N, C-alpha and C. Protein backbone atom coordinates (compact mmCIF):
# COMPACT_ATOMS: atom_id res chain seq x y z
N UNK A 1 -57.22 88.41 -0.24
CA UNK A 1 -57.43 87.61 -0.91
C UNK A 1 -56.19 86.74 -1.93
N UNK A 2 -55.33 87.57 -2.27
CA UNK A 2 -54.08 87.09 -3.12
C UNK A 2 -53.32 86.36 -2.02
N UNK A 3 -53.17 86.56 -0.61
CA UNK A 3 -52.13 85.82 0.25
C UNK A 3 -52.47 84.42 -0.13
N UNK A 4 -54.01 83.53 -0.11
CA UNK A 4 -54.45 82.15 0.03
C UNK A 4 -53.58 81.77 -1.26
N UNK A 5 -53.61 82.28 -2.17
CA UNK A 5 -53.35 82.08 -3.73
C UNK A 5 -51.58 81.95 -3.64
N UNK A 6 -50.78 82.89 -3.17
CA UNK A 6 -49.48 82.94 -3.24
C UNK A 6 -49.20 81.75 -2.20
N UNK A 7 -49.47 81.40 -0.98
CA UNK A 7 -48.76 80.53 -0.07
C UNK A 7 -49.32 78.95 -0.87
N UNK A 8 -50.12 78.99 -1.58
CA UNK A 8 -50.42 77.35 -2.19
C UNK A 8 -49.70 77.28 -3.17
N UNK A 9 -49.48 78.63 -3.83
CA UNK A 9 -48.75 78.17 -5.20
C UNK A 9 -47.04 77.97 -4.31
N UNK A 10 -46.53 78.71 -3.07
CA UNK A 10 -45.10 78.67 -2.60
C UNK A 10 -45.27 77.08 -1.87
N UNK A 11 -46.52 76.63 -1.28
CA UNK A 11 -46.50 75.16 -0.92
C UNK A 11 -46.51 74.16 -1.84
N UNK A 12 -46.92 74.40 -3.08
CA UNK A 12 -46.81 73.29 -4.17
C UNK A 12 -45.71 73.32 -4.38
N UNK A 13 -44.79 74.56 -4.68
CA UNK A 13 -43.23 74.67 -5.59
C UNK A 13 -42.43 74.24 -4.37
N UNK A 14 -42.50 73.90 -3.51
CA UNK A 14 -42.15 73.42 -2.25
C UNK A 14 -41.86 71.81 -2.31
N UNK A 15 -43.25 71.81 -2.31
CA UNK A 15 -43.42 70.04 -2.25
C UNK A 15 -42.86 69.68 -3.44
N UNK A 16 -42.68 70.04 -4.76
CA UNK A 16 -42.66 69.53 -6.10
C UNK A 16 -40.93 69.21 -5.55
N UNK A 17 -40.18 70.67 -4.94
CA UNK A 17 -39.00 70.24 -5.13
C UNK A 17 -38.77 69.43 -4.21
N UNK A 18 -39.08 68.96 -2.84
CA UNK A 18 -39.17 68.04 -2.10
C UNK A 18 -39.16 66.32 -2.97
N UNK A 19 -40.55 66.45 -3.20
CA UNK A 19 -40.27 65.03 -4.21
C UNK A 19 -39.39 64.80 -5.21
N UNK A 20 -38.66 65.92 -5.92
CA UNK A 20 -37.54 66.02 -7.08
C UNK A 20 -36.30 65.04 -6.29
N UNK A 21 -35.72 66.10 -5.30
CA UNK A 21 -34.74 65.80 -4.53
C UNK A 21 -34.71 64.36 -3.64
N UNK A 22 -35.78 64.24 -3.25
CA UNK A 22 -36.12 62.51 -2.62
C UNK A 22 -35.95 61.75 -3.78
N UNK A 23 -36.27 61.90 -4.42
CA UNK A 23 -36.59 60.88 -6.06
C UNK A 23 -35.34 60.62 -6.21
N UNK A 24 -34.21 61.90 -6.58
CA UNK A 24 -33.16 61.83 -7.07
C UNK A 24 -31.98 61.15 -6.11
N UNK A 25 -32.50 61.15 -4.82
CA UNK A 25 -31.56 60.72 -3.79
C UNK A 25 -31.72 58.98 -4.07
N UNK A 26 -32.79 58.30 -4.27
CA UNK A 26 -33.15 57.21 -4.20
C UNK A 26 -32.80 56.71 -5.70
N UNK A 27 -33.21 57.36 -6.74
CA UNK A 27 -33.03 56.94 -8.36
C UNK A 27 -32.23 58.10 -9.07
N UNK A 28 -31.68 57.30 -9.80
CA UNK A 28 -30.68 57.91 -10.65
C UNK A 28 -30.99 57.53 -12.36
N UNK A 29 -31.10 58.64 -13.12
CA UNK A 29 -31.12 58.30 -14.51
C UNK A 29 -29.35 58.00 -15.14
N UNK A 30 -29.52 56.81 -16.13
CA UNK A 30 -28.17 56.80 -16.41
C UNK A 30 -28.72 56.44 -18.10
N UNK A 31 -27.57 57.31 -18.88
CA UNK A 31 -27.59 57.09 -20.09
C UNK A 31 -26.62 55.96 -20.66
N UNK A 32 -26.58 54.81 -21.29
CA UNK A 32 -25.65 53.83 -21.74
C UNK A 32 -25.04 54.63 -22.98
N UNK A 33 -23.55 54.51 -22.93
CA UNK A 33 -22.92 55.17 -24.09
C UNK A 33 -21.82 53.89 -24.67
N UNK A 34 -21.94 53.75 -25.69
CA UNK A 34 -20.93 52.55 -26.14
C UNK A 34 -21.94 51.19 -26.31
N UNK A 35 -21.05 49.97 -26.50
CA UNK A 35 -21.45 48.82 -27.06
C UNK A 35 -21.20 47.57 -25.69
N UNK A 36 -20.60 47.97 -25.05
CA UNK A 36 -19.77 47.08 -23.95
C UNK A 36 -21.14 45.74 -23.29
N UNK A 37 -22.36 46.37 -23.14
CA UNK A 37 -23.08 45.78 -22.77
C UNK A 37 -24.44 44.90 -23.68
N UNK A 38 -24.19 44.98 -24.81
CA UNK A 38 -24.55 44.40 -26.14
C UNK A 38 -24.36 42.86 -26.02
N UNK A 39 -25.59 42.05 -26.64
CA UNK A 39 -27.23 42.52 -26.68
C UNK A 39 -27.75 42.78 -25.84
N UNK A 40 -27.82 43.05 -24.57
CA UNK A 40 -28.76 42.67 -23.81
C UNK A 40 -29.23 44.42 -23.11
N UNK A 41 -27.87 45.78 -23.00
CA UNK A 41 -28.37 47.15 -23.00
C UNK A 41 -27.81 47.41 -24.41
N UNK A 42 -28.23 48.80 -24.87
CA UNK A 42 -27.58 49.16 -26.20
C UNK A 42 -27.14 50.75 -25.84
N UNK A 43 -26.32 51.27 -26.63
CA UNK A 43 -25.69 52.59 -27.07
C UNK A 43 -26.94 53.17 -26.91
N UNK A 44 -26.93 54.56 -26.35
CA UNK A 44 -27.50 55.28 -25.93
C UNK A 44 -29.53 55.35 -25.29
N UNK A 45 -29.35 54.21 -24.71
CA UNK A 45 -30.63 53.62 -23.47
C UNK A 45 -30.54 54.48 -22.97
N UNK A 46 -31.52 54.81 -22.21
CA UNK A 46 -31.55 55.23 -20.39
C UNK A 46 -32.37 54.39 -19.68
N UNK A 47 -31.57 54.41 -18.75
CA UNK A 47 -31.93 53.30 -17.92
C UNK A 47 -32.14 54.01 -16.43
N UNK A 48 -33.21 53.58 -15.22
CA UNK A 48 -33.03 54.11 -13.87
C UNK A 48 -32.17 53.21 -12.86
N UNK A 49 -31.47 53.82 -11.93
CA UNK A 49 -30.34 52.92 -11.44
C UNK A 49 -30.69 53.43 -9.79
N UNK A 50 -31.24 51.96 -9.51
CA UNK A 50 -31.90 52.04 -7.89
C UNK A 50 -30.58 52.39 -6.70
N UNK A 51 -30.39 53.54 -6.58
CA UNK A 51 -29.43 53.99 -5.34
C UNK A 51 -29.94 53.43 -4.17
N UNK A 52 -30.48 52.52 -3.91
CA UNK A 52 -30.69 52.03 -2.58
C UNK A 52 -30.65 50.58 -2.32
N UNK A 53 -30.27 49.96 -3.48
CA UNK A 53 -30.30 48.29 -3.89
C UNK A 53 -29.10 47.78 -2.94
N UNK A 54 -28.15 48.65 -2.25
CA UNK A 54 -26.93 47.82 -1.80
C UNK A 54 -26.88 48.61 -0.56
N UNK A 55 -27.87 48.95 0.18
CA UNK A 55 -27.91 50.03 1.38
C UNK A 55 -28.80 48.73 2.70
N UNK A 56 -28.11 49.15 3.82
CA UNK A 56 -28.24 48.31 4.71
C UNK A 56 -27.73 46.82 5.04
N UNK A 57 -26.57 46.63 4.44
CA UNK A 57 -25.98 45.69 4.39
C UNK A 57 -26.41 44.60 3.54
N UNK A 58 -26.73 45.56 2.39
CA UNK A 58 -26.78 44.24 0.74
C UNK A 58 -25.61 44.49 0.22
N UNK A 59 -25.45 43.19 -0.56
CA UNK A 59 -24.26 43.57 -1.54
C UNK A 59 -24.45 43.25 -2.64
N UNK A 60 -23.91 43.71 -3.78
CA UNK A 60 -24.10 42.72 -5.24
C UNK A 60 -23.52 41.39 -5.03
N UNK A 61 -24.81 40.75 -6.23
CA UNK A 61 -24.75 39.28 -6.05
C UNK A 61 -23.99 39.10 -7.66
N UNK A 62 -23.55 37.97 -7.69
CA UNK A 62 -22.97 37.67 -9.35
C UNK A 62 -23.97 37.42 -10.39
N UNK A 63 -24.05 38.42 -11.18
CA UNK A 63 -25.21 38.52 -12.29
C UNK A 63 -25.82 40.26 -12.27
N UNK A 64 -25.54 40.73 -11.12
CA UNK A 64 -26.06 42.01 -11.28
C UNK A 64 -25.48 42.82 -12.26
N UNK A 65 -26.18 43.76 -12.73
CA UNK A 65 -25.59 44.86 -13.62
C UNK A 65 -25.72 46.17 -12.85
N UNK A 66 -24.51 46.71 -12.23
CA UNK A 66 -24.61 47.73 -11.39
C UNK A 66 -23.66 48.97 -12.65
N UNK A 67 -24.36 50.44 -11.88
CA UNK A 67 -23.61 51.46 -12.45
C UNK A 67 -22.66 51.66 -11.32
N UNK A 68 -21.30 52.33 -11.40
CA UNK A 68 -20.50 52.97 -10.77
C UNK A 68 -19.20 53.59 -11.47
N UNK A 69 -18.69 54.29 -10.39
CA UNK A 69 -17.71 55.15 -10.38
C UNK A 69 -16.44 54.19 -10.86
N UNK A 70 -15.81 54.82 -12.32
CA UNK A 70 -14.46 53.93 -12.53
C UNK A 70 -13.13 54.49 -11.78
N UNK A 71 -12.94 53.37 -11.09
CA UNK A 71 -11.53 54.09 -10.23
C UNK A 71 -10.31 54.50 -10.54
N UNK A 72 -10.03 54.12 -11.70
CA UNK A 72 -9.17 54.75 -12.67
C UNK A 72 -9.38 56.16 -13.40
N UNK A 73 -10.90 56.20 -13.95
CA UNK A 73 -11.26 57.40 -14.37
C UNK A 73 -12.46 57.72 -13.52
N UNK A 74 -12.65 58.28 -12.57
CA UNK A 74 -13.54 58.70 -11.58
C UNK A 74 -14.85 59.68 -12.09
N UNK A 75 -14.43 60.47 -12.99
CA UNK A 75 -15.18 61.52 -13.83
C UNK A 75 -16.11 60.33 -14.45
N UNK A 76 -15.93 59.45 -15.27
CA UNK A 76 -16.72 58.63 -15.62
C UNK A 76 -17.56 57.50 -14.86
N UNK A 77 -18.92 57.50 -15.28
CA UNK A 77 -19.44 56.48 -14.39
C UNK A 77 -19.61 55.30 -15.50
N UNK A 78 -19.72 54.02 -15.22
CA UNK A 78 -20.01 52.87 -16.03
C UNK A 78 -20.81 51.96 -15.90
N UNK A 79 -21.19 50.78 -16.57
CA UNK A 79 -22.30 49.95 -16.15
C UNK A 79 -21.56 48.31 -16.71
N UNK A 80 -21.56 47.82 -16.12
CA UNK A 80 -20.99 46.35 -15.86
C UNK A 80 -21.84 45.26 -15.18
N UNK A 81 -21.67 44.15 -15.48
CA UNK A 81 -22.12 43.04 -14.94
C UNK A 81 -21.22 41.94 -13.75
N UNK A 82 -21.49 42.47 -12.47
CA UNK A 82 -20.93 41.52 -11.49
C UNK A 82 -20.48 40.19 -11.65
N UNK A 83 -19.38 39.71 -11.86
CA UNK A 83 -18.64 38.75 -12.29
C UNK A 83 -17.89 37.55 -10.83
N UNK A 84 -16.91 38.88 -10.09
CA UNK A 84 -16.45 38.11 -9.39
C UNK A 84 -16.64 39.05 -8.04
N UNK A 85 -16.99 37.99 -6.75
CA UNK A 85 -17.38 38.78 -5.54
C UNK A 85 -16.12 38.70 -4.85
N UNK A 86 -15.94 39.38 -3.67
CA UNK A 86 -14.92 39.75 -2.46
C UNK A 86 -14.51 38.38 -2.41
N UNK A 87 -13.02 38.35 -2.48
CA UNK A 87 -12.23 37.36 -1.74
C UNK A 87 -12.11 36.15 -3.22
N UNK A 88 -12.99 36.32 -4.12
CA UNK A 88 -12.56 34.88 -5.49
C UNK A 88 -11.11 35.38 -5.98
N UNK A 89 -11.35 34.32 -6.58
CA UNK A 89 -10.20 34.34 -7.73
C UNK A 89 -10.86 34.14 -9.02
N UNK A 90 -10.47 35.32 -10.12
CA UNK A 90 -11.44 35.13 -11.36
C UNK A 90 -10.38 34.67 -12.25
N UNK A 91 -10.50 33.81 -13.65
CA UNK A 91 -9.74 33.36 -14.08
C UNK A 91 -10.32 33.68 -15.65
N UNK A 92 -9.81 34.19 -16.79
CA UNK A 92 -10.58 34.29 -18.14
C UNK A 92 -9.46 33.58 -18.84
N UNK A 93 -9.73 32.58 -19.42
CA UNK A 93 -9.18 32.15 -20.55
C UNK A 93 -8.93 32.56 -21.63
N UNK A 94 -8.15 32.49 -22.72
CA UNK A 94 -8.17 32.86 -23.90
C UNK A 94 -9.32 32.62 -24.83
N UNK A 95 -10.08 31.72 -24.81
CA UNK A 95 -11.18 31.46 -25.34
C UNK A 95 -12.30 32.47 -24.85
N UNK A 96 -12.39 33.00 -23.70
CA UNK A 96 -13.24 33.57 -23.29
C UNK A 96 -13.98 33.06 -22.27
N UNK A 97 -13.71 31.88 -21.81
CA UNK A 97 -14.42 30.74 -20.65
C UNK A 97 -13.75 31.70 -19.56
N UNK A 98 -14.51 31.79 -18.25
CA UNK A 98 -14.32 32.30 -16.88
C UNK A 98 -14.82 31.57 -15.73
N UNK A 99 -13.92 31.46 -14.88
CA UNK A 99 -13.60 30.59 -14.24
C UNK A 99 -13.64 31.35 -12.86
N UNK A 100 -14.66 30.48 -11.88
CA UNK A 100 -14.40 31.07 -10.30
C UNK A 100 -13.61 30.68 -9.39
N UNK A 101 -12.68 30.80 -8.90
CA UNK A 101 -12.03 29.98 -7.87
C UNK A 101 -12.05 28.20 -8.75
N UNK A 102 -11.82 28.25 -9.56
CA UNK A 102 -11.24 27.22 -10.26
C UNK A 102 -12.76 26.41 -11.26
N UNK A 103 -13.81 26.96 -11.24
CA UNK A 103 -15.13 26.38 -11.48
C UNK A 103 -15.65 27.35 -12.68
N UNK A 104 -15.95 26.75 -13.60
CA UNK A 104 -16.54 27.09 -15.12
C UNK A 104 -17.49 27.73 -14.52
N UNK A 105 -18.05 28.97 -15.00
CA UNK A 105 -19.31 29.83 -14.76
C UNK A 105 -20.16 29.68 -16.03
N UNK A 106 -21.61 29.31 -16.65
CA UNK A 106 -22.47 29.22 -17.39
C UNK A 106 -22.83 31.12 -17.43
N UNK A 107 -22.41 31.48 -18.62
CA UNK A 107 -22.93 32.97 -19.18
C UNK A 107 -23.64 32.95 -20.21
N UNK A 108 -25.12 32.55 -20.26
CA UNK A 108 -25.96 32.62 -21.50
C UNK A 108 -26.46 33.90 -22.04
N UNK A 109 -26.05 34.57 -21.72
CA UNK A 109 -26.19 36.33 -22.02
C UNK A 109 -24.67 36.77 -22.72
N UNK A 110 -23.38 35.93 -22.88
CA UNK A 110 -22.48 36.36 -23.77
C UNK A 110 -22.48 36.07 -24.94
N UNK A 111 -22.42 36.96 -25.89
CA UNK A 111 -22.52 36.20 -27.31
C UNK A 111 -21.13 36.39 -27.74
N UNK A 112 -20.57 37.46 -27.46
CA UNK A 112 -18.86 37.35 -28.15
C UNK A 112 -17.94 37.46 -27.08
N UNK A 113 -17.61 36.53 -26.63
CA UNK A 113 -16.35 36.15 -26.01
C UNK A 113 -15.06 36.65 -25.91
N UNK A 114 -13.92 37.18 -25.47
CA UNK A 114 -13.10 37.22 -25.89
C UNK A 114 -12.33 38.47 -24.66
N UNK A 115 -11.74 39.35 -25.84
CA UNK A 115 -10.75 40.30 -24.81
C UNK A 115 -9.59 39.85 -24.02
N UNK A 116 -9.43 40.52 -23.15
CA UNK A 116 -8.13 40.27 -22.44
C UNK A 116 -7.91 38.94 -21.59
N UNK A 117 -7.59 38.10 -21.33
CA UNK A 117 -7.37 37.09 -20.38
C UNK A 117 -6.44 37.35 -19.38
N UNK A 118 -6.93 36.34 -18.38
CA UNK A 118 -5.61 36.51 -17.00
C UNK A 118 -6.55 36.30 -16.14
N UNK A 119 -5.53 35.91 -14.93
CA UNK A 119 -5.91 35.85 -13.41
C UNK A 119 -6.14 36.89 -12.47
N UNK A 120 -7.27 37.58 -11.63
CA UNK A 120 -7.40 38.14 -10.90
C UNK A 120 -7.69 37.63 -9.49
N UNK A 121 -7.27 38.38 -8.44
CA UNK A 121 -7.82 37.97 -7.09
C UNK A 121 -8.54 39.25 -6.99
N UNK A 122 -9.62 38.81 -6.43
CA UNK A 122 -10.69 40.41 -5.98
C UNK A 122 -10.22 40.74 -4.29
N UNK A 123 -10.44 41.96 -3.86
CA UNK A 123 -9.83 42.06 -2.95
C UNK A 123 -11.26 42.40 -1.72
N UNK A 124 -10.73 42.11 -0.61
CA UNK A 124 -12.36 42.19 0.22
C UNK A 124 -12.91 43.46 -0.08
N UNK A 125 -14.21 43.81 0.02
CA UNK A 125 -15.04 45.20 -0.61
C UNK A 125 -14.76 45.22 -1.64
N UNK A 126 -14.26 44.31 -2.75
CA UNK A 126 -14.19 44.90 -3.99
C UNK A 126 -14.97 43.99 -5.28
N UNK A 127 -15.48 44.21 -6.41
CA UNK A 127 -16.19 43.38 -7.18
C UNK A 127 -15.70 43.44 -8.50
N UNK A 128 -15.27 42.30 -9.28
CA UNK A 128 -15.01 42.11 -10.59
C UNK A 128 -16.16 42.50 -11.11
N UNK A 129 -16.36 43.59 -12.20
CA UNK A 129 -17.38 43.62 -13.52
C UNK A 129 -16.69 43.12 -14.38
N UNK A 130 -17.37 43.01 -15.28
CA UNK A 130 -17.27 42.83 -16.98
C UNK A 130 -18.41 43.11 -18.06
N UNK A 131 -18.21 43.31 -19.06
CA UNK A 131 -19.16 43.78 -20.13
C UNK A 131 -19.98 42.39 -20.73
N UNK A 132 -20.69 42.33 -21.15
CA UNK A 132 -21.38 41.34 -21.73
C UNK A 132 -20.75 41.22 -22.94
N UNK A 133 -20.80 42.30 -23.47
CA UNK A 133 -19.93 41.84 -25.20
C UNK A 133 -18.35 42.09 -25.00
N UNK A 134 -17.94 41.26 -24.63
CA UNK A 134 -16.63 41.05 -23.56
C UNK A 134 -15.21 41.43 -24.71
N UNK A 135 -15.59 41.56 -26.39
CA UNK A 135 -14.45 42.16 -27.40
C UNK A 135 -14.35 43.81 -27.19
N UNK A 136 -15.33 44.52 -26.72
CA UNK A 136 -15.28 45.65 -26.94
C UNK A 136 -15.42 46.40 -25.44
N UNK A 137 -15.06 45.44 -24.43
CA UNK A 137 -15.62 46.24 -23.13
C UNK A 137 -14.29 46.45 -22.20
N UNK A 138 -14.27 48.01 -21.69
CA UNK A 138 -13.31 48.10 -20.62
C UNK A 138 -13.77 47.83 -19.31
N UNK A 139 -13.25 46.61 -18.47
CA UNK A 139 -13.99 46.57 -17.19
C UNK A 139 -12.47 45.90 -16.43
N UNK A 140 -12.96 45.41 -15.20
CA UNK A 140 -12.38 45.25 -14.46
C UNK A 140 -10.51 44.43 -14.95
N UNK A 141 -10.86 43.70 -16.13
CA UNK A 141 -10.11 43.38 -16.60
C UNK A 141 -8.61 44.10 -16.91
N UNK A 142 -9.21 45.72 -17.65
CA UNK A 142 -8.73 46.29 -17.89
C UNK A 142 -7.84 47.29 -16.21
N UNK A 143 -9.06 47.65 -15.72
CA UNK A 143 -9.26 49.08 -14.92
C UNK A 143 -8.97 48.39 -13.36
N UNK A 144 -9.08 46.77 -13.28
CA UNK A 144 -9.20 46.34 -11.87
C UNK A 144 -10.65 46.48 -11.11
N UNK A 145 -10.52 45.56 -10.06
CA UNK A 145 -12.01 45.29 -9.50
C UNK A 145 -12.45 47.18 -8.77
N UNK A 146 -13.66 46.99 -8.63
CA UNK A 146 -14.21 48.01 -8.18
C UNK A 146 -14.93 47.91 -6.62
N UNK A 147 -14.51 49.33 -5.79
CA UNK A 147 -14.70 48.82 -4.43
C UNK A 147 -15.94 49.24 -4.13
N UNK A 148 -16.37 48.97 -3.58
CA UNK A 148 -17.91 48.96 -3.28
C UNK A 148 -18.74 50.27 -2.86
N UNK A 149 -17.77 50.92 -2.36
CA UNK A 149 -18.11 52.51 -2.17
C UNK A 149 -17.98 53.13 -3.62
N UNK A 150 -17.65 52.79 -4.89
CA UNK A 150 -17.76 53.51 -6.06
C UNK A 150 -19.10 52.81 -6.64
N UNK A 151 -19.30 51.91 -6.25
CA UNK A 151 -20.99 51.48 -6.57
C UNK A 151 -22.01 52.51 -6.34
N UNK A 152 -22.66 52.80 -7.30
CA UNK A 152 -23.66 54.13 -7.60
C UNK A 152 -25.10 53.06 -7.50
N UNK A 153 -25.08 51.98 -7.50
CA UNK A 153 -26.63 51.39 -7.55
C UNK A 153 -26.80 50.56 -8.86
N UNK A 154 -27.98 49.64 -8.81
CA UNK A 154 -28.48 48.61 -9.48
C UNK A 154 -29.14 49.01 -10.66
N UNK A 155 -28.65 48.38 -11.66
CA UNK A 155 -29.73 49.06 -12.92
C UNK A 155 -30.91 48.32 -12.74
N UNK A 156 -31.95 49.06 -12.59
CA UNK A 156 -33.44 48.48 -12.71
C UNK A 156 -34.18 48.91 -13.93
N UNK A 157 -34.34 49.68 -14.27
CA UNK A 157 -35.41 49.91 -15.54
C UNK A 157 -35.13 50.49 -16.86
N UNK A 158 -34.97 49.98 -18.02
CA UNK A 158 -34.83 50.52 -19.05
C UNK A 158 -35.94 51.64 -19.68
N UNK A 159 -35.70 52.46 -19.64
CA UNK A 159 -37.13 53.25 -20.14
C UNK A 159 -37.09 54.41 -21.16
N UNK A 160 -35.52 53.74 -21.82
CA UNK A 160 -35.96 55.00 -23.50
C UNK A 160 -34.94 54.22 -24.41
N UNK A 161 -35.49 53.85 -25.71
CA UNK A 161 -36.81 54.37 -26.13
C UNK A 161 -37.50 53.47 -25.17
N UNK A 162 -38.96 53.87 -25.50
CA UNK A 162 -40.10 52.98 -24.99
C UNK A 162 -40.23 51.73 -25.64
N UNK A 163 -39.58 51.36 -27.00
CA UNK A 163 -39.93 50.16 -27.30
C UNK A 163 -39.38 49.28 -26.29
N UNK A 164 -37.83 49.94 -26.05
CA UNK A 164 -37.18 48.52 -24.71
C UNK A 164 -37.58 48.79 -23.37
N UNK A 165 -38.64 49.23 -23.22
CA UNK A 165 -39.24 49.83 -21.63
C UNK A 165 -39.01 48.26 -21.38
N UNK A 166 -38.77 48.06 -20.01
CA UNK A 166 -38.74 46.92 -18.98
C UNK A 166 -37.85 46.94 -18.04
N UNK A 167 -37.57 46.14 -17.55
CA UNK A 167 -36.75 45.43 -16.15
C UNK A 167 -35.20 45.48 -16.50
N UNK A 168 -34.38 45.99 -16.07
CA UNK A 168 -32.92 45.54 -16.49
C UNK A 168 -32.50 44.18 -16.37
N UNK A 169 -31.78 43.79 -17.52
CA UNK A 169 -31.54 42.08 -17.58
C UNK A 169 -30.43 41.47 -16.53
N UNK A 170 -30.84 41.58 -15.41
CA UNK A 170 -30.19 40.53 -14.53
C UNK A 170 -30.34 39.34 -14.63
N UNK A 171 -29.15 38.38 -14.66
CA UNK A 171 -29.23 37.03 -14.67
C UNK A 171 -28.36 36.55 -13.67
N UNK A 172 -28.75 35.66 -12.62
CA UNK A 172 -28.15 34.63 -11.74
C UNK A 172 -27.54 33.78 -12.60
N UNK A 173 -26.06 34.10 -12.11
CA UNK A 173 -24.92 33.13 -12.93
C UNK A 173 -24.96 31.82 -11.97
N UNK A 174 -24.57 31.13 -12.80
CA UNK A 174 -24.77 29.47 -12.05
C UNK A 174 -23.29 28.74 -12.77
N UNK A 175 -22.73 27.83 -11.72
CA UNK A 175 -21.73 27.06 -11.95
C UNK A 175 -21.68 25.69 -12.99
N UNK A 176 -21.12 25.85 -14.04
CA UNK A 176 -21.49 24.43 -14.85
C UNK A 176 -21.51 23.41 -14.12
N UNK A 177 -22.62 22.51 -14.19
CA UNK A 177 -22.67 21.21 -13.70
C UNK A 177 -21.13 20.27 -14.50
N UNK A 178 -20.77 19.35 -13.34
CA UNK A 178 -20.08 18.61 -13.57
C UNK A 178 -20.44 17.11 -14.09
N UNK A 179 -20.44 16.21 -15.27
CA UNK A 179 -21.28 15.05 -15.18
C UNK A 179 -19.99 14.01 -14.90
């Protein structure tokens, strides 16, 4: 009489473990530390990261918010917005304006432009990332471009605090039109 109950308990535990590990393989939670992505993402928020977003030949797009292992500090995962794609030249002016291959890009999500300026060539299979709060962001201007293999995934959902619940604020970045 006890055997069927024990077998069912074991089956339930095994099924729960399979579901847990499958979800962990596909999705990861991430806690935002610091203010480098403000005003769009905030310190101590929790988000879910879609680890499958760039599988099967898909690549990050300009404007995607990604979580990645920092090449210069691999013990840390960071979150930033993709600005420059492989093969492009990124130039950040003293006033914070960003140019891709000589074209100005519009960034409505940036409230405080600033931080390091300069020109960077983005190697193949790497991405240039920057925080939305440019004055305090440690990003590709400091640590260099991010190899595609270091990307953990694409920010998907803000899950904590509940009052901020919703999709991550990805923004398609466009080039400024010239009159």
